[in-house]
């Protein structure tokens, strides 16, 4: 995923596919988060006032089957390095085998 925090606009943009390719746009309940949807899957997410509150990402995670912790980690990385596009690759949890052995 690519994520970018625009410090002037105070908004986060997550991209999971090609930006601008979408079927429709959905606004989350708070109105601060917009999701571009392609074939039933979130293709891009924009969170307004991201420096104030990341909670709207929880609704996106639940509605579009994302890992809430992954979205928040990506958001925090982008907030830490504003005005730069960050690419994040998230793999499977590494501790699953250790937990099963215990």
N, C-alpha and C. Protein backbone atom coordinates (compact mmCIF):
# COMPACT_ATOMS: atom_id res chain seq x y z
N UNK A 1 0.85 -1.17 0.00
CA UNK A 1 0.00 0.00 0.00
C UNK A 1 0.89 1.23 0.00
N UNK A 2 0.39 2.29 -0.59
CA UNK A 2 1.07 3.58 -0.54
C UNK A 2 0.23 4.49 0.34
N UNK A 3 0.92 5.30 1.13
CA UNK A 3 0.22 6.24 2.00
C UNK A 3 1.01 7.54 2.04
N UNK A 4 0.29 8.64 2.07
CA UNK A 4 0.91 9.96 2.03
C UNK A 4 0.12 10.89 2.93
N UNK A 5 0.82 11.62 3.80
CA UNK A 5 0.18 12.63 4.63
C UNK A 5 0.50 14.00 4.06
N UNK A 6 -0.51 14.72 3.64
CA UNK A 6 -0.38 16.07 3.13
C UNK A 6 -0.53 17.02 4.32
N UNK A 7 0.60 17.60 4.76
CA UNK A 7 0.57 18.42 5.97
C UNK A 7 -0.22 19.72 5.78
N UNK A 8 -0.24 20.25 4.58
CA UNK A 8 -1.00 21.48 4.34
C UNK A 8 -2.50 21.20 4.38
N UNK A 9 -2.92 20.13 3.73
CA UNK A 9 -4.34 19.76 3.71
C UNK A 9 -4.77 18.94 4.91
N UNK A 10 -3.77 18.50 5.72
CA UNK A 10 -4.01 17.68 6.91
C UNK A 10 -4.81 16.42 6.57
N UNK A 11 -4.46 15.80 5.43
CA UNK A 11 -5.20 14.61 5.03
C UNK A 11 -4.25 13.47 4.68
N UNK A 12 -4.70 12.27 4.97
CA UNK A 12 -3.99 11.05 4.62
C UNK A 12 -4.63 10.45 3.38
N UNK A 13 -3.81 9.94 2.46
CA UNK A 13 -4.31 9.24 1.29
C UNK A 13 -3.65 7.88 1.23
N UNK A 14 -4.47 6.84 1.29
CA UNK A 14 -4.01 5.46 1.14
C UNK A 14 -4.37 5.02 -0.28
N UNK A 15 -3.44 4.34 -0.96
CA UNK A 15 -3.70 3.80 -2.29
C UNK A 15 -3.37 2.32 -2.30
N UNK A 16 -4.33 1.52 -2.74
CA UNK A 16 -4.15 0.07 -2.79
C UNK A 16 -4.08 -0.43 -4.23
N UNK A 17 -4.47 0.40 -5.15
CA UNK A 17 -4.45 0.07 -6.58
C UNK A 17 -4.12 1.33 -7.34
N UNK A 18 -4.59 1.39 -8.54
CA UNK A 18 -4.34 2.56 -9.37
C UNK A 18 -5.31 3.67 -8.98
N UNK A 19 -4.77 4.81 -8.54
CA UNK A 19 -5.61 5.91 -8.09
C UNK A 19 -6.44 6.44 -9.24
N UNK A 20 -7.70 6.72 -8.97
CA UNK A 20 -8.60 7.25 -9.99
C UNK A 20 -9.43 6.19 -10.68
N UNK A 21 -9.12 4.92 -10.42
CA UNK A 21 -9.91 3.82 -10.97
C UNK A 21 -10.89 3.39 -9.89
N UNK A 22 -12.17 3.67 -10.08
CA UNK A 22 -13.15 3.28 -9.07
C UNK A 22 -14.53 3.18 -9.70
N UNK A 23 -15.39 2.41 -9.03
CA UNK A 23 -16.79 2.27 -9.43
C UNK A 23 -17.63 3.37 -8.79
N UNK A 24 -17.37 3.61 -7.52
CA UNK A 24 -18.12 4.61 -6.78
C UNK A 24 -17.33 5.03 -5.54
N UNK A 25 -17.84 6.04 -4.87
CA UNK A 25 -17.21 6.57 -3.66
C UNK A 25 -18.18 6.41 -2.51
N UNK A 26 -17.66 6.00 -1.35
CA UNK A 26 -18.48 5.88 -0.15
C UNK A 26 -17.91 6.78 0.94
N UNK A 27 -18.80 7.48 1.62
CA UNK A 27 -18.40 8.33 2.74
C UNK A 27 -18.71 7.59 4.03
N UNK A 28 -17.75 7.55 4.93
CA UNK A 28 -17.96 6.88 6.20
C UNK A 28 -18.85 7.75 7.09
N UNK A 29 -19.35 7.18 8.16
CA UNK A 29 -20.35 7.83 9.02
C UNK A 29 -19.92 9.19 9.55
N UNK A 30 -18.65 9.36 9.88
CA UNK A 30 -18.20 10.62 10.45
C UNK A 30 -18.09 11.73 9.41
N UNK A 31 -18.04 11.36 8.14
CA UNK A 31 -17.91 12.33 7.07
C UNK A 31 -16.48 12.77 6.84
N UNK A 32 -15.55 12.33 7.69
CA UNK A 32 -14.14 12.72 7.55
C UNK A 32 -13.34 11.72 6.74
N UNK A 33 -13.96 10.64 6.33
CA UNK A 33 -13.24 9.58 5.62
C UNK A 33 -14.03 9.19 4.37
N UNK A 34 -13.32 9.16 3.24
CA UNK A 34 -13.92 8.84 1.95
C UNK A 34 -13.19 7.64 1.37
N UNK A 35 -13.95 6.70 0.82
CA UNK A 35 -13.36 5.48 0.25
C UNK A 35 -13.77 5.36 -1.21
N UNK A 36 -12.78 5.21 -2.08
CA UNK A 36 -13.04 4.93 -3.49
C UNK A 36 -13.09 3.42 -3.63
N UNK A 37 -14.16 2.91 -4.23
CA UNK A 37 -14.41 1.47 -4.29
C UNK A 37 -14.36 1.00 -5.74
N UNK A 38 -13.66 -0.11 -5.97
CA UNK A 38 -13.57 -0.74 -7.28
C UNK A 38 -13.88 -2.21 -7.11
N UNK A 39 -14.88 -2.69 -7.80
CA UNK A 39 -15.30 -4.10 -7.73
C UNK A 39 -15.55 -4.56 -6.30
N UNK A 40 -16.14 -3.70 -5.48
CA UNK A 40 -16.49 -4.06 -4.12
C UNK A 40 -15.36 -3.96 -3.11
N UNK A 41 -14.16 -3.56 -3.55
CA UNK A 41 -13.01 -3.46 -2.67
C UNK A 41 -12.53 -2.01 -2.60
N UNK A 42 -12.05 -1.62 -1.43
CA UNK A 42 -11.51 -0.26 -1.27
C UNK A 42 -10.24 -0.14 -2.12
N UNK A 43 -10.22 0.85 -2.98
CA UNK A 43 -9.07 1.08 -3.85
C UNK A 43 -8.22 2.23 -3.31
N UNK A 44 -8.86 3.22 -2.68
CA UNK A 44 -8.18 4.36 -2.07
C UNK A 44 -9.01 4.84 -0.88
N UNK A 45 -8.32 5.42 0.09
CA UNK A 45 -8.98 5.98 1.27
C UNK A 45 -8.39 7.36 1.51
N UNK A 46 -9.24 8.33 1.78
CA UNK A 46 -8.76 9.64 2.19
C UNK A 46 -9.36 9.97 3.55
N UNK A 47 -8.49 10.31 4.48
CA UNK A 47 -8.92 10.69 5.82
C UNK A 47 -8.58 12.15 6.04
N UNK A 48 -9.60 12.97 6.23
CA UNK A 48 -9.41 14.40 6.50
C UNK A 48 -9.13 14.62 7.98
N UNK A 49 -8.45 15.70 8.31
CA UNK A 49 -8.08 16.01 9.69
C UNK A 49 -7.37 14.83 10.36
N UNK A 50 -6.50 14.18 9.61
CA UNK A 50 -5.84 12.97 10.09
C UNK A 50 -4.92 13.22 11.28
N UNK A 51 -4.42 14.42 11.41
CA UNK A 51 -3.55 14.72 12.54
C UNK A 51 -4.34 14.84 13.85
N UNK A 52 -5.66 14.89 13.74
CA UNK A 52 -6.52 15.04 14.91
C UNK A 52 -7.08 13.71 15.41
N UNK A 53 -7.42 12.81 14.46
CA UNK A 53 -8.11 11.57 14.86
C UNK A 53 -7.99 10.50 13.78
N UNK A 54 -7.53 9.32 14.15
CA UNK A 54 -7.43 8.19 13.22
C UNK A 54 -8.61 7.22 13.37
N UNK A 55 -9.49 7.49 14.32
CA UNK A 55 -10.60 6.57 14.60
C UNK A 55 -11.47 6.24 13.39
N UNK A 56 -11.72 7.16 12.45
CA UNK A 56 -12.53 6.80 11.28
C UNK A 56 -11.95 5.63 10.47
N UNK A 57 -10.65 5.39 10.60
CA UNK A 57 -10.06 4.25 9.90
C UNK A 57 -10.59 2.92 10.43
N UNK A 58 -11.04 2.89 11.68
CA UNK A 58 -11.60 1.67 12.25
C UNK A 58 -12.87 1.25 11.50
N UNK A 59 -13.70 2.22 11.14
CA UNK A 59 -14.91 1.92 10.39
C UNK A 59 -14.56 1.38 9.00
N UNK A 60 -13.55 1.97 8.38
CA UNK A 60 -13.10 1.49 7.07
C UNK A 60 -12.61 0.05 7.19
N UNK A 61 -11.81 -0.22 8.22
CA UNK A 61 -11.27 -1.57 8.42
C UNK A 61 -12.39 -2.59 8.56
N UNK A 62 -13.38 -2.26 9.35
CA UNK A 62 -14.49 -3.18 9.57
C UNK A 62 -15.34 -3.38 8.31
N UNK A 63 -15.62 -2.30 7.64
CA UNK A 63 -16.51 -2.35 6.47
C UNK A 63 -15.87 -3.01 5.25
N UNK A 64 -14.53 -2.83 5.09
CA UNK A 64 -13.85 -3.34 3.90
C UNK A 64 -12.84 -4.44 4.21
N UNK A 65 -12.95 -5.03 5.39
CA UNK A 65 -12.14 -6.17 5.78
C UNK A 65 -10.63 -5.90 5.73
N UNK A 66 -10.21 -4.78 6.32
CA UNK A 66 -8.80 -4.46 6.50
C UNK A 66 -8.40 -4.78 7.93
N UNK A 67 -7.14 -4.99 8.16
CA UNK A 67 -6.62 -5.13 9.50
C UNK A 67 -6.48 -3.72 10.09
N UNK A 68 -7.19 -3.47 11.16
CA UNK A 68 -7.21 -2.14 11.79
C UNK A 68 -5.81 -1.70 12.21
N UNK A 69 -5.02 -2.62 12.75
CA UNK A 69 -3.68 -2.27 13.20
C UNK A 69 -2.77 -1.90 12.03
N UNK A 70 -2.93 -2.58 10.89
CA UNK A 70 -2.13 -2.26 9.72
C UNK A 70 -2.45 -0.86 9.20
N UNK A 71 -3.73 -0.52 9.12
CA UNK A 71 -4.10 0.83 8.67
C UNK A 71 -3.55 1.89 9.61
N UNK A 72 -3.67 1.66 10.90
CA UNK A 72 -3.17 2.65 11.87
C UNK A 72 -1.65 2.77 11.81
N UNK A 73 -0.94 1.66 11.66
CA UNK A 73 0.52 1.69 11.56
C UNK A 73 0.95 2.47 10.32
N UNK A 74 0.27 2.25 9.20
CA UNK A 74 0.59 2.98 7.97
C UNK A 74 0.31 4.47 8.16
N UNK A 75 -0.79 4.79 8.81
CA UNK A 75 -1.14 6.20 9.06
C UNK A 75 -0.09 6.86 9.93
N UNK A 76 0.34 6.19 10.98
CA UNK A 76 1.34 6.77 11.88
C UNK A 76 2.68 6.97 11.17
N UNK A 77 3.04 6.03 10.29
CA UNK A 77 4.28 6.17 9.52
C UNK A 77 4.21 7.40 8.62
N UNK A 78 3.07 7.61 7.97
CA UNK A 78 2.91 8.76 7.08
C UNK A 78 2.90 10.07 7.87
N UNK A 79 2.27 10.06 9.03
CA UNK A 79 2.25 11.26 9.88
C UNK A 79 3.67 11.61 10.35
N UNK A 80 4.49 10.58 10.56
CA UNK A 80 5.87 10.80 11.03
C UNK A 80 6.77 11.34 9.91
N UNK A 81 6.38 11.11 8.66
CA UNK A 81 7.17 11.58 7.51
C UNK A 81 6.25 12.32 6.55
N UNK A 82 5.78 13.49 6.94
CA UNK A 82 4.79 14.20 6.13
C UNK A 82 5.32 14.60 4.75
N UNK A 83 4.38 14.72 3.82
CA UNK A 83 4.65 15.20 2.47
C UNK A 83 5.63 14.30 1.71
N UNK A 84 5.60 13.02 2.04
CA UNK A 84 6.39 12.02 1.32
C UNK A 84 5.49 10.80 1.10
N UNK A 85 5.60 10.21 -0.08
CA UNK A 85 4.84 8.98 -0.32
C UNK A 85 5.60 7.82 0.29
N UNK A 86 4.91 7.05 1.10
CA UNK A 86 5.51 5.91 1.77
C UNK A 86 4.86 4.64 1.21
N UNK A 87 5.68 3.65 0.90
CA UNK A 87 5.17 2.36 0.45
C UNK A 87 5.37 1.36 1.58
N UNK A 88 4.31 0.66 1.93
CA UNK A 88 4.35 -0.29 3.04
C UNK A 88 3.86 -1.64 2.53
N UNK A 89 4.61 -2.67 2.85
CA UNK A 89 4.21 -4.03 2.53
C UNK A 89 3.98 -4.76 3.85
N UNK A 90 2.81 -5.32 4.00
CA UNK A 90 2.47 -6.01 5.24
C UNK A 90 2.37 -7.50 4.96
N UNK A 91 3.12 -8.28 5.71
CA UNK A 91 3.10 -9.72 5.54
C UNK A 91 2.28 -10.39 6.63
N UNK A 92 2.31 -11.70 6.62
CA UNK A 92 1.59 -12.49 7.62
C UNK A 92 2.23 -12.29 8.99
N UNK A 93 1.44 -12.50 10.02
CA UNK A 93 1.98 -12.40 11.38
C UNK A 93 3.05 -13.46 11.57
N UNK A 94 4.19 -13.04 12.10
CA UNK A 94 5.30 -13.98 12.28
C UNK A 94 5.17 -14.80 13.55
N UNK A 95 4.39 -14.37 14.50
CA UNK A 95 4.31 -15.05 15.79
C UNK A 95 3.27 -16.15 15.83
N UNK A 96 2.59 -16.43 14.73
CA UNK A 96 1.56 -17.46 14.75
C UNK A 96 2.13 -18.82 15.13
N UNK A 97 3.27 -19.20 14.56
CA UNK A 97 3.87 -20.48 14.87
C UNK A 97 4.28 -20.57 16.32
N UNK A 98 4.82 -19.50 16.87
CA UNK A 98 5.25 -19.48 18.27
C UNK A 98 4.05 -19.63 19.19
N UNK A 99 2.94 -19.02 18.84
CA UNK A 99 1.74 -19.09 19.66
C UNK A 99 1.17 -20.51 19.64
N UNK A 100 1.24 -21.17 18.50
CA UNK A 100 0.71 -22.54 18.40
C UNK A 100 1.59 -23.52 19.16
N UNK A 101 2.90 -23.26 19.25
CA UNK A 101 3.82 -24.15 19.94
C UNK A 101 3.68 -24.05 21.46
N UNK A 102 3.17 -22.93 21.93
CA UNK A 102 3.08 -22.69 23.38
C UNK A 102 1.97 -23.48 24.02
